[in-house]
Every structure is written in C-alpha cells, then in structure tokens.
C-alpha cells in the first residue's frame, strides 16, 4: 500500500477554489480509496503507483473541465516496504 499526499492547484479558474477541491475529493471518494482531507492537502492510500497516477489524471482532468487553464500538482509518496502502512497508523504512531 502506498500513502500519498497531494495538493492540486488549478490556475486561471478564479480566486475561490472550493468547487475545484470538492471535485477532486469526490473523485477520490468515488474511487473507494481511504483518504483524509486536511487544511492544505489530501492524503490517500492506494495500492500502487499505477493506480495513484490514474487517480491523479482523473483529478487533473476534472480541474481542466472546471475551467482551469493550468494545473499544478504537489505530490509526496510514502512507499514503505518493511510493513503495511496506513494513514491511521501514521496518526496513531504520534498521538498514542
């Protein structure tokens, strides 16, 4: 399982980006992946890089369809091999 943190910035679609963020979150939700929305990014658990990039492509296309002239994506990936990692497990490891 990969953990990914992403921030998507649609440019050229106005000042308020809430509707764009909601579209991206809806796509992640419909994918069935476990995710958490934060104040500045969204984290998601995905099986592998192929599925992560397929998800990113859907989110990117949704931003373009919503009127973005440019899309910037910040991505951080945690590909841990020594044990199964989850978003909740990472939170629990620092709050318990």
PDB file of N, CA and C in Angstrom:
ATOM      1  N   UNK A   1       0.850  -1.178   0.000  1.00  0.00           N
ATOM      2  CA  UNK A   1       0.000   0.000   0.000  1.00  0.00           C
ATOM      3  C   UNK A   1       0.893   1.237   0.000  1.00  0.00           C
ATOM      4  N   UNK A   2       0.595   2.167  -0.870  1.00  0.00           N
ATOM      5  CA  UNK A   2       1.285   3.457  -0.904  1.00  0.00           C
ATOM      6  C   UNK A   2       0.435   4.491  -0.182  1.00  0.00           C
ATOM      7  N   UNK A   3       1.108   5.394   0.502  1.00  0.00           N
ATOM      8  CA  UNK A   3       0.438   6.562   1.058  1.00  0.00           C
ATOM      9  C   UNK A   3       0.873   7.746   0.229  1.00  0.00           C
ATOM     10  N   UNK A   4      -0.059   8.570  -0.164  1.00  0.00           N
ATOM     11  CA  UNK A   4       0.255   9.740  -0.982  1.00  0.00           C
ATOM     12  C   UNK A   4      -0.413  10.969  -0.397  1.00  0.00           C
ATOM     13  N   UNK A   5       0.312  12.062  -0.437  1.00  0.00           N
ATOM     14  CA  UNK A   5      -0.227  13.359  -0.026  1.00  0.00           C
ATOM     15  C   UNK A   5      -0.216  14.234  -1.268  1.00  0.00           C
ATOM     16  N   UNK A   6      -1.352  14.829  -1.601  1.00  0.00           N
ATOM     17  CA  UNK A   6      -1.396  15.648  -2.797  1.00  0.00           C
ATOM     18  C   UNK A   6      -2.120  16.958  -2.565  1.00  0.00           C
ATOM     19  N   UNK A   7      -1.637  17.937  -3.276  1.00  0.00           N
ATOM     20  CA  UNK A   7      -2.278  19.244  -3.329  1.00  0.00           C
ATOM     21  C   UNK A   7      -2.392  19.592  -4.799  1.00  0.00           C
ATOM     22  N   UNK A   8      -3.577  19.987  -5.214  1.00  0.00           N
ATOM     23  CA  UNK A   8      -3.834  20.318  -6.618  1.00  0.00           C
ATOM     24  C   UNK A   8      -4.238  21.777  -6.691  1.00  0.00           C
ATOM     25  N   UNK A   9      -3.538  22.519  -7.542  1.00  0.00           N
ATOM     26  CA  UNK A   9      -3.771  23.952  -7.676  1.00  0.00           C
ATOM     27  C   UNK A   9      -4.215  24.276  -9.093  1.00  0.00           C
ATOM     28  N   UNK A  10      -5.529  24.462  -9.301  1.00  0.00           N
ATOM     29  CA  UNK A  10      -5.991  24.883 -10.620  1.00  0.00           C
ATOM     30  C   UNK A  10      -5.761  26.394 -10.765  1.00  0.00           C
ATOM     31  N   UNK A  11      -5.157  26.793 -11.848  1.00  0.00           N
ATOM     32  CA  UNK A  11      -4.847  28.199 -12.083  1.00  0.00           C
ATOM     33  C   UNK A  11      -5.656  28.693 -13.277  1.00  0.00           C
ATOM     34  N   UNK A  12      -6.135  29.920 -13.167  1.00  0.00           N
ATOM     35  CA  UNK A  12      -6.902  30.511 -14.253  1.00  0.00           C
ATOM     36  C   UNK A  12      -8.378  30.206 -14.162  1.00  0.00           C
ATOM     37  N   UNK A  13      -8.820  29.783 -12.985  1.00  0.00           N
ATOM     38  CA  UNK A  13     -10.222  29.421 -12.809  1.00  0.00           C
ATOM     39  C   UNK A  13     -10.889  30.276 -11.742  1.00  0.00           C
ATOM     40  N   UNK A  14     -10.300  31.421 -11.443  1.00  0.00           N
ATOM     41  CA  UNK A  14     -10.877  32.306 -10.438  1.00  0.00           C
ATOM     42  C   UNK A  14     -10.134  32.235  -9.119  1.00  0.00           C
ATOM     43  N   UNK A  15     -10.613  33.025  -8.171  1.00  0.00           N
ATOM     44  CA  UNK A  15      -9.958  33.137  -6.877  1.00  0.00           C
ATOM     45  C   UNK A  15     -10.407  32.050  -5.907  1.00  0.00           C
ATOM     46  N   UNK A  16     -11.684  31.764  -5.853  1.00  0.00           N
ATOM     47  CA  UNK A  16     -12.214  30.750  -4.948  1.00  0.00           C
ATOM     48  C   UNK A  16     -12.065  29.372  -5.590  1.00  0.00           C
ATOM     49  N   UNK A  17     -11.410  28.468  -4.878  1.00  0.00           N
ATOM     50  CA  UNK A  17     -11.131  27.152  -5.448  1.00  0.00           C
ATOM     51  C   UNK A  17     -11.913  26.023  -4.791  1.00  0.00           C
ATOM     52  N   UNK A  18     -12.844  26.356  -3.908  1.00  0.00           N
ATOM     53  CA  UNK A  18     -13.597  25.340  -3.181  1.00  0.00           C
ATOM     54  C   UNK A  18     -14.275  24.335  -4.083  1.00  0.00           C
ATOM     55  N   UNK A  19     -14.872  24.796  -5.157  1.00  0.00           N
ATOM     56  CA  UNK A  19     -15.576  23.855  -6.043  1.00  0.00           C
ATOM     57  C   UNK A  19     -14.598  22.899  -6.707  1.00  0.00           C
ATOM     58  N   UNK A  20     -13.385  23.375  -6.974  1.00  0.00           N
ATOM     59  CA  UNK A  20     -12.364  22.520  -7.577  1.00  0.00           C
ATOM     60  C   UNK A  20     -11.905  21.448  -6.588  1.00  0.00           C
ATOM     61  N   UNK A  21     -11.685  21.863  -5.360  1.00  0.00           N
ATOM     62  CA  UNK A  21     -11.269  20.912  -4.329  1.00  0.00           C
ATOM     63  C   UNK A  21     -12.354  19.854  -4.137  1.00  0.00           C
ATOM     64  N   UNK A  22     -13.599  20.291  -4.083  1.00  0.00           N
ATOM     65  CA  UNK A  22     -14.708  19.344  -3.907  1.00  0.00           C
ATOM     66  C   UNK A  22     -14.750  18.323  -5.034  1.00  0.00           C
ATOM     67  N   UNK A  23     -14.490  18.758  -6.262  1.00  0.00           N
ATOM     68  CA  UNK A  23     -14.476  17.818  -7.391  1.00  0.00           C
ATOM     69  C   UNK A  23     -13.394  16.768  -7.206  1.00  0.00           C
ATOM     70  N   UNK A  24     -12.202  17.213  -6.802  1.00  0.00           N
ATOM     71  CA  UNK A  24     -11.104  16.274  -6.580  1.00  0.00           C
ATOM     72  C   UNK A  24     -11.415  15.289  -5.470  1.00  0.00           C
ATOM     73  N   UNK A  25     -11.960  15.797  -4.372  1.00  0.00           N
ATOM     74  CA  UNK A  25     -12.314  14.926  -3.245  1.00  0.00           C
ATOM     75  C   UNK A  25     -13.393  13.931  -3.659  1.00  0.00           C
ATOM     76  N   UNK A  26     -14.338  14.375  -4.446  1.00  0.00           N
ATOM     77  CA  UNK A  26     -15.413  13.480  -4.913  1.00  0.00           C
ATOM     78  C   UNK A  26     -14.824  12.339  -5.751  1.00  0.00           C
ATOM     79  N   UNK A  27     -13.850  12.655  -6.586  1.00  0.00           N
ATOM     80  CA  UNK A  27     -13.212  11.617  -7.409  1.00  0.00           C
ATOM     81  C   UNK A  27     -12.497  10.597  -6.525  1.00  0.00           C
ATOM     82  N   UNK A  28     -11.791  11.085  -5.506  1.00  0.00           N
ATOM     83  CA  UNK A  28     -11.114  10.168  -4.580  1.00  0.00           C
ATOM     84  C   UNK A  28     -12.144   9.317  -3.842  1.00  0.00           C
ATOM     85  N   UNK A  29     -13.206   9.948  -3.384  1.00  0.00           N
ATOM     86  CA  UNK A  29     -14.262   9.227  -2.659  1.00  0.00           C
ATOM     87  C   UNK A  29     -14.872   8.138  -3.535  1.00  0.00           C
ATOM     88  N   UNK A  30     -15.166   8.470  -4.790  1.00  0.00           N
ATOM     89  CA  UNK A  30     -15.765   7.504  -5.708  1.00  0.00           C
ATOM     90  C   UNK A  30     -14.810   6.355  -6.042  1.00  0.00           C
ATOM     91  N   UNK A  31     -13.514   6.597  -5.883  1.00  0.00           N
ATOM     92  CA  UNK A  31     -12.533   5.544  -6.166  1.00  0.00           C
ATOM     93  C   UNK A  31     -12.584   4.433  -5.125  1.00  0.00           C
ATOM     94  N   UNK A  32     -13.101   4.769  -3.937  1.00  0.00           N
ATOM     95  CA  UNK A  32     -13.167   3.785  -2.861  1.00  0.00           C
ATOM     96  C   UNK A  32     -11.915   3.724  -2.003  1.00  0.00           C
ATOM     97  N   UNK A  33     -10.910   4.540  -2.314  1.00  0.00           N
ATOM     98  CA  UNK A  33      -9.686   4.555  -1.515  1.00  0.00           C
ATOM     99  C   UNK A  33      -9.931   5.249  -0.183  1.00  0.00           C
ATOM    100  N   UNK A  34      -9.186   4.831   0.823  1.00  0.00           N
ATOM    101  CA  UNK A  34      -9.213   5.520   2.112  1.00  0.00           C
ATOM    102  C   UNK A  34      -8.485   6.846   1.938  1.00  0.00           C
ATOM    103  N   UNK A  35      -9.061   7.935   2.461  1.00  0.00           N
ATOM    104  CA  UNK A  35      -8.448   9.245   2.303  1.00  0.00           C
ATOM    105  C   UNK A  35      -8.770  10.129   3.494  1.00  0.00           C
ATOM    106  N   UNK A  36      -7.994  11.198   3.626  1.00  0.00           N
ATOM    107  CA  UNK A  36      -8.238  12.217   4.645  1.00  0.00           C
ATOM    108  C   UNK A  36      -7.975  13.576   4.030  1.00  0.00           C
ATOM    109  N   UNK A  37      -8.929  14.468   4.189  1.00  0.00           N
ATOM    110  CA  UNK A  37      -8.763  15.837   3.711  1.00  0.00           C
ATOM    111  C   UNK A  37      -8.185  16.659   4.845  1.00  0.00           C
ATOM    112  N   UNK A  38      -7.122  17.403   4.550  1.00  0.00           N
ATOM    113  CA  UNK A  38      -6.514  18.311   5.518  1.00  0.00           C
ATOM    114  C   UNK A  38      -6.714  19.746   5.068  1.00  0.00           C
ATOM    115  N   UNK A  39      -6.228  20.659   5.853  1.00  0.00           N
ATOM    116  CA  UNK A  39      -6.379  22.072   5.532  1.00  0.00           C
ATOM    117  C   UNK A  39      -5.624  22.522   4.294  1.00  0.00           C
ATOM    118  N   UNK A  40      -4.521  21.833   3.984  1.00  0.00           N
ATOM    119  CA  UNK A  40      -3.681  22.256   2.865  1.00  0.00           C
ATOM    120  C   UNK A  40      -3.390  21.137   1.855  1.00  0.00           C
ATOM    121  N   UNK A  41      -3.848  19.924   2.151  1.00  0.00           N
ATOM    122  CA  UNK A  41      -3.599  18.802   1.245  1.00  0.00           C
ATOM    123  C   UNK A  41      -4.567  17.673   1.562  1.00  0.00           C
ATOM    124  N   UNK A  42      -4.560  16.682   0.719  1.00  0.00           N
ATOM    125  CA  UNK A  42      -5.357  15.478   0.922  1.00  0.00           C
ATOM    126  C   UNK A  42      -4.424  14.282   0.878  1.00  0.00           C
ATOM    127  N   UNK A  43      -4.631  13.343   1.793  1.00  0.00           N
ATOM    128  CA  UNK A  43      -3.838  12.122   1.827  1.00  0.00           C
ATOM    129  C   UNK A  43      -4.717  10.954   1.412  1.00  0.00           C
ATOM    130  N   UNK A  44      -4.114   9.993   0.726  1.00  0.00           N
ATOM    131  CA  UNK A  44      -4.873   8.854   0.220  1.00  0.00           C
ATOM    132  C   UNK A  44      -4.010   7.598   0.268  1.00  0.00           C
ATOM    133  N   UNK A  45      -4.645   6.460   0.524  1.00  0.00           N
ATOM    134  CA  UNK A  45      -4.000   5.149   0.479  1.00  0.00           C
ATOM    135  C   UNK A  45      -4.353   4.511  -0.864  1.00  0.00           C
ATOM    136  N   UNK A  46      -3.337   4.124  -1.621  1.00  0.00           N
ATOM    137  CA  UNK A  46      -3.559   3.475  -2.919  1.00  0.00           C
ATOM    138  C   UNK A  46      -2.684   2.230  -3.023  1.00  0.00           C
ATOM    139  N   UNK A  47      -3.099   1.251  -3.824  1.00  0.00           N
ATOM    140  CA  UNK A  47      -2.339   0.003  -3.910  1.00  0.00           C
ATOM    141  C   UNK A  47      -0.952   0.152  -4.549  1.00  0.00           C
ATOM    142  N   UNK A  48      -0.832   1.008  -5.573  1.00  0.00           N
ATOM    143  CA  UNK A  48       0.436   1.110  -6.287  1.00  0.00           C
ATOM    144  C   UNK A  48       0.505   2.419  -7.066  1.00  0.00           C
ATOM    145  N   UNK A  49       1.665   2.676  -7.659  1.00  0.00           N
ATOM    146  CA  UNK A  49       1.870   3.923  -8.406  1.00  0.00           C
ATOM    147  C   UNK A  49       0.952   4.036  -9.618  1.00  0.00           C
ATOM    148  N   UNK A  50       0.707   2.931 -10.281  1.00  0.00           N
ATOM    149  CA  UNK A  50      -0.170   2.968 -11.459  1.00  0.00           C
ATOM    150  C   UNK A  50      -1.543   3.509 -11.091  1.00  0.00           C
ATOM    151  N   UNK A  51      -2.112   2.999 -10.004  1.00  0.00           N
ATOM    152  CA  UNK A  51      -3.439   3.461  -9.601  1.00  0.00           C
ATOM    153  C   UNK A  51      -3.396   4.892  -9.086  1.00  0.00           C
ATOM    154  N   UNK A  52      -2.287   5.269  -8.437  1.00  0.00           N
ATOM    155  CA  UNK A  52      -2.137   6.653  -7.985  1.00  0.00           C
ATOM    156  C   UNK A  52      -2.158   7.611  -9.173  1.00  0.00           C
ATOM    157  N   UNK A  53      -1.395   7.282 -10.216  1.00  0.00           N
ATOM    158  CA  UNK A  53      -1.343   8.179 -11.361  1.00  0.00           C
ATOM    159  C   UNK A  53      -2.644   8.176 -12.162  1.00  0.00           C
ATOM    160  N   UNK A  54      -3.350   7.065 -12.175  1.00  0.00           N
ATOM    161  CA  UNK A  54      -4.682   7.050 -12.802  1.00  0.00           C
ATOM    162  C   UNK A  54      -5.626   7.975 -12.043  1.00  0.00           C
ATOM    163  N   UNK A  55      -5.553   7.940 -10.715  1.00  0.00           N
ATOM    164  CA  UNK A  55      -6.371   8.827  -9.885  1.00  0.00           C
ATOM    165  C   UNK A  55      -5.996  10.284 -10.123  1.00  0.00           C
ATOM    166  N   UNK A  56      -4.702  10.578 -10.150  1.00  0.00           N
ATOM    167  CA  UNK A  56      -4.247  11.949 -10.400  1.00  0.00           C
ATOM    168  C   UNK A  56      -4.712  12.457 -11.760  1.00  0.00           C
ATOM    169  N   UNK A  57      -4.690  11.598 -12.756  1.00  0.00           N
ATOM    170  CA  UNK A  57      -5.142  12.016 -14.087  1.00  0.00           C
ATOM    171  C   UNK A  57      -6.622  12.384 -14.072  1.00  0.00           C
ATOM    172  N   UNK A  58      -7.440  11.619 -13.367  1.00  0.00           N
ATOM    173  CA  UNK A  58      -8.872  11.939 -13.265  1.00  0.00           C
ATOM    174  C   UNK A  58      -9.076  13.282 -12.563  1.00  0.00           C
ATOM    175  N   UNK A  59      -8.325  13.509 -11.495  1.00  0.00           N
ATOM    176  CA  UNK A  59      -8.439  14.770 -10.759  1.00  0.00           C
ATOM    177  C   UNK A  59      -7.979  15.932 -11.631  1.00  0.00           C
ATOM    178  N   UNK A  60      -6.852  15.761 -12.315  1.00  0.00           N
ATOM    179  CA  UNK A  60      -6.331  16.809 -13.199  1.00  0.00           C
ATOM    180  C   UNK A  60      -7.350  17.152 -14.291  1.00  0.00           C
ATOM    181  N   UNK A  61      -7.919  16.132 -14.907  1.00  0.00           N
ATOM    182  CA  UNK A  61      -8.891  16.366 -15.977  1.00  0.00           C
ATOM    183  C   UNK A  61     -10.135  17.080 -15.458  1.00  0.00           C
ATOM    184  N   UNK A  62     -10.556  16.745 -14.249  1.00  0.00           N
ATOM    185  CA  UNK A  62     -11.724  17.410 -13.657  1.00  0.00           C
ATOM    186  C   UNK A  62     -11.452  18.899 -13.470  1.00  0.00           C
ATOM    187  N   UNK A  63     -10.218  19.258 -13.101  1.00  0.00           N
ATOM    188  CA  UNK A  63      -9.863  20.668 -12.928  1.00  0.00           C
ATOM    189  C   UNK A  63      -9.912  21.401 -14.273  1.00  0.00           C
ATOM    190  N   UNK A  64      -9.418  20.761 -15.305  1.00  0.00           N
ATOM    191  CA  UNK A  64      -9.460  21.346 -16.648  1.00  0.00           C
ATOM    192  C   UNK A  64     -10.902  21.499 -17.108  1.00  0.00           C
ATOM    193  N   UNK A  65     -11.711  20.480 -16.878  1.00  0.00           N
ATOM    194  CA  UNK A  65     -13.127  20.539 -17.255  1.00  0.00           C
ATOM    195  C   UNK A  65     -13.862  21.648 -16.509  1.00  0.00           C
ATOM    196  N   UNK A  66     -13.385  22.003 -15.315  1.00  0.00           N
ATOM    197  CA  UNK A  66     -13.988  23.057 -14.494  1.00  0.00           C
ATOM    198  C   UNK A  66     -13.494  24.444 -14.894  1.00  0.00           C
ATOM    199  N   UNK A  67     -12.578  24.524 -15.851  1.00  0.00           N
ATOM    200  CA  UNK A  67     -12.136  25.817 -16.345  1.00  0.00           C
ATOM    201  C   UNK A  67     -10.704  26.204 -16.034  1.00  0.00           C
ATOM    202  N   UNK A  68      -9.950  25.332 -15.403  1.00  0.00           N
ATOM    203  CA  UNK A  68      -8.553  25.657 -15.103  1.00  0.00           C
ATOM    204  C   UNK A  68      -7.753  25.729 -16.400  1.00  0.00           C
ATOM    205  N   UNK A  69      -6.932  26.748 -16.504  1.00  0.00           N
ATOM    206  CA  UNK A  69      -6.049  26.909 -17.655  1.00  0.00           C
ATOM    207  C   UNK A  69      -4.708  26.224 -17.417  1.00  0.00           C
ATOM    208  N   UNK A  70      -4.425  25.959 -16.155  1.00  0.00           N
ATOM    209  CA  UNK A  70      -3.154  25.353 -15.761  1.00  0.00           C
ATOM    210  C   UNK A  70      -3.404  24.600 -14.464  1.00  0.00           C
ATOM    211  N   UNK A  71      -2.744  23.466 -14.273  1.00  0.00           N
ATOM    212  CA  UNK A  71      -2.917  22.683 -13.058  1.00  0.00           C
ATOM    213  C   UNK A  71      -1.534  22.330 -12.509  1.00  0.00           C
ATOM    214  N   UNK A  72      -1.294  22.710 -11.259  1.00  0.00           N
ATOM    215  CA  UNK A  72      -0.057  22.344 -10.580  1.00  0.00           C
ATOM    216  C   UNK A  72      -0.404  21.301  -9.531  1.00  0.00           C
ATOM    217  N   UNK A  73       0.360  20.217  -9.511  1.00  0.00           N
ATOM    218  CA  UNK A  73       0.124  19.133  -8.559  1.00  0.00           C
ATOM    219  C   UNK A  73       1.383  18.937  -7.728  1.00  0.00           C
ATOM    220  N   UNK A  74       1.238  19.058  -6.413  1.00  0.00           N
ATOM    221  CA  UNK A  74       2.323  18.713  -5.490  1.00  0.00           C
ATOM    222  C   UNK A  74       2.016  17.326  -4.963  1.00  0.00           C
ATOM    223  N   UNK A  75       3.004  16.443  -5.000  1.00  0.00           N
ATOM    224  CA  UNK A  75       2.782  15.055  -4.634  1.00  0.00           C
ATOM    225  C   UNK A  75       3.924  14.556  -3.761  1.00  0.00           C
ATOM    226  N   UNK A  76       3.555  13.892  -2.682  1.00  0.00           N
ATOM    227  CA  UNK A  76       4.516  13.225  -1.812  1.00  0.00           C
ATOM    228  C   UNK A  76       4.044  11.786  -1.664  1.00  0.00           C
ATOM    229  N   UNK A  77       4.965  10.823  -1.851  1.00  0.00           N
ATOM    230  CA  UNK A  77       4.602   9.408  -1.802  1.00  0.00           C
ATOM    231  C   UNK A  77       5.457   8.701  -0.754  1.00  0.00           C
ATOM    232  N   UNK A  78       4.797   7.914   0.097  1.00  0.00           N
ATOM    233  CA  UNK A  78       5.475   7.071   1.086  1.00  0.00           C
ATOM    234  C   UNK A  78       5.268   5.623   0.655  1.00  0.00           C
ATOM    235  N   UNK A  79       6.326   5.017   0.115  1.00  0.00           N
ATOM    236  CA  UNK A  79       6.279   3.634  -0.378  1.00  0.00           C
ATOM    237  C   UNK A  79       7.080   2.767   0.579  1.00  0.00           C
ATOM    238  N   UNK A  80       6.468   2.450   1.705  1.00  0.00           N
ATOM    239  CA  UNK A  80       7.153   1.692   2.759  1.00  0.00           C
ATOM    240  C   UNK A  80       7.056   0.199   2.472  1.00  0.00           C
ATOM    241  N   UNK A  81       8.192  -0.496   2.515  1.00  0.00           N
ATOM    242  CA  UNK A  81       8.244  -1.910   2.167  1.00  0.00           C
ATOM    243  C   UNK A  81       8.375  -2.848   3.349  1.00  0.00           C
ATOM    244  N   UNK A  82       8.788  -2.351   4.521  1.00  0.00           N
ATOM    245  CA  UNK A  82       9.040  -3.247   5.646  1.00  0.00           C
ATOM    246  C   UNK A  82       7.790  -3.596   6.440  1.00  0.00           C
ATOM    247  N   UNK A  83       6.704  -2.840   6.250  1.00  0.00           N
ATOM    248  CA  UNK A  83       5.434  -3.176   6.896  1.00  0.00           C
ATOM    249  C   UNK A  83       4.306  -2.442   6.184  1.00  0.00           C
ATOM    250  N   UNK A  84       3.084  -2.920   6.436  1.00  0.00           N
ATOM    251  CA  UNK A  84       1.918  -2.282   5.831  1.00  0.00           C
ATOM    252  C   UNK A  84       1.652  -0.961   6.537  1.00  0.00           C
ATOM    253  N   UNK A  85       1.578   0.100   5.784  1.00  0.00           N
ATOM    254  CA  UNK A  85       1.380   1.438   6.333  1.00  0.00           C
ATOM    255  C   UNK A  85      -0.013   1.934   5.983  1.00  0.00           C
ATOM    256  N   UNK A  86      -0.640   2.618   6.931  1.00  0.00           N
ATOM    257  CA  UNK A  86      -1.939   3.238   6.684  1.00  0.00           C
ATOM    258  C   UNK A  86      -1.906   4.666   7.204  1.00  0.00           C
ATOM    259  N   UNK A  87      -2.831   5.470   6.725  1.00  0.00           N
ATOM    260  CA  UNK A  87      -2.927   6.847   7.220  1.00  0.00           C
ATOM    261  C   UNK A  87      -3.201   6.859   8.718  1.00  0.00           C
ATOM    262  N   UNK A  88      -4.142   6.028   9.151  1.00  0.00           N
ATOM    263  CA  UNK A  88      -4.483   5.995  10.568  1.00  0.00           C
ATOM    264  C   UNK A  88      -3.309   5.510  11.406  1.00  0.00           C
ATOM    265  N   UNK A  89      -2.563   4.551  10.887  1.00  0.00           N
ATOM    266  CA  UNK A  89      -1.403   4.049  11.596  1.00  0.00           C
ATOM    267  C   UNK A  89      -0.351   5.126  11.812  1.00  0.00           C
ATOM    268  N   UNK A  90      -0.159   5.983  10.824  1.00  0.00           N
ATOM    269  CA  UNK A  90       0.803   7.083  10.957  1.00  0.00           C
ATOM    270  C   UNK A  90       0.333   8.071  12.036  1.00  0.00           C
ATOM    271  N   UNK A  91      -0.960   8.352  12.039  1.00  0.00           N
ATOM    272  CA  UNK A  91      -1.510   9.266  13.057  1.00  0.00           C
ATOM    273  C   UNK A  91      -1.377   8.642  14.433  1.00  0.00           C
ATOM    274  N   UNK A  92      -1.762   7.378  14.551  1.00  0.00           N
ATOM    275  CA  UNK A  92      -1.691   6.691  15.852  1.00  0.00           C
ATOM    276  C   UNK A  92      -0.261   6.645  16.389  1.00  0.00           C
ATOM    277  N   UNK A  93       0.722   6.525  15.516  1.00  0.00           N
ATOM    278  CA  UNK A  93       2.103   6.405  15.973  1.00  0.00           C
ATOM    279  C   UNK A  93       2.620   7.672  16.646  1.00  0.00           C
ATOM    280  N   UNK A  94       1.981   8.797  16.415  1.00  0.00           N
ATOM    281  CA  UNK A  94       2.437  10.049  17.044  1.00  0.00           C
ATOM    282  C   UNK A  94       1.440  10.614  18.046  1.00  0.00           C
ATOM    283  N   UNK A  95       0.260  10.007  18.142  1.00  0.00           N
ATOM    284  CA  UNK A  95      -0.747  10.530  19.084  1.00  0.00           C
ATOM    285  C   UNK A  95      -1.043   9.572  20.218  1.00  0.00           C
ATOM    286  N   UNK A  96      -0.555   8.359  20.158  1.00  0.00           N
ATOM    287  CA  UNK A  96      -0.843   7.372  21.209  1.00  0.00           C
ATOM    288  C   UNK A  96       0.259   7.344  22.240  1.00  0.00           C
TER     289      UNK A  96
END
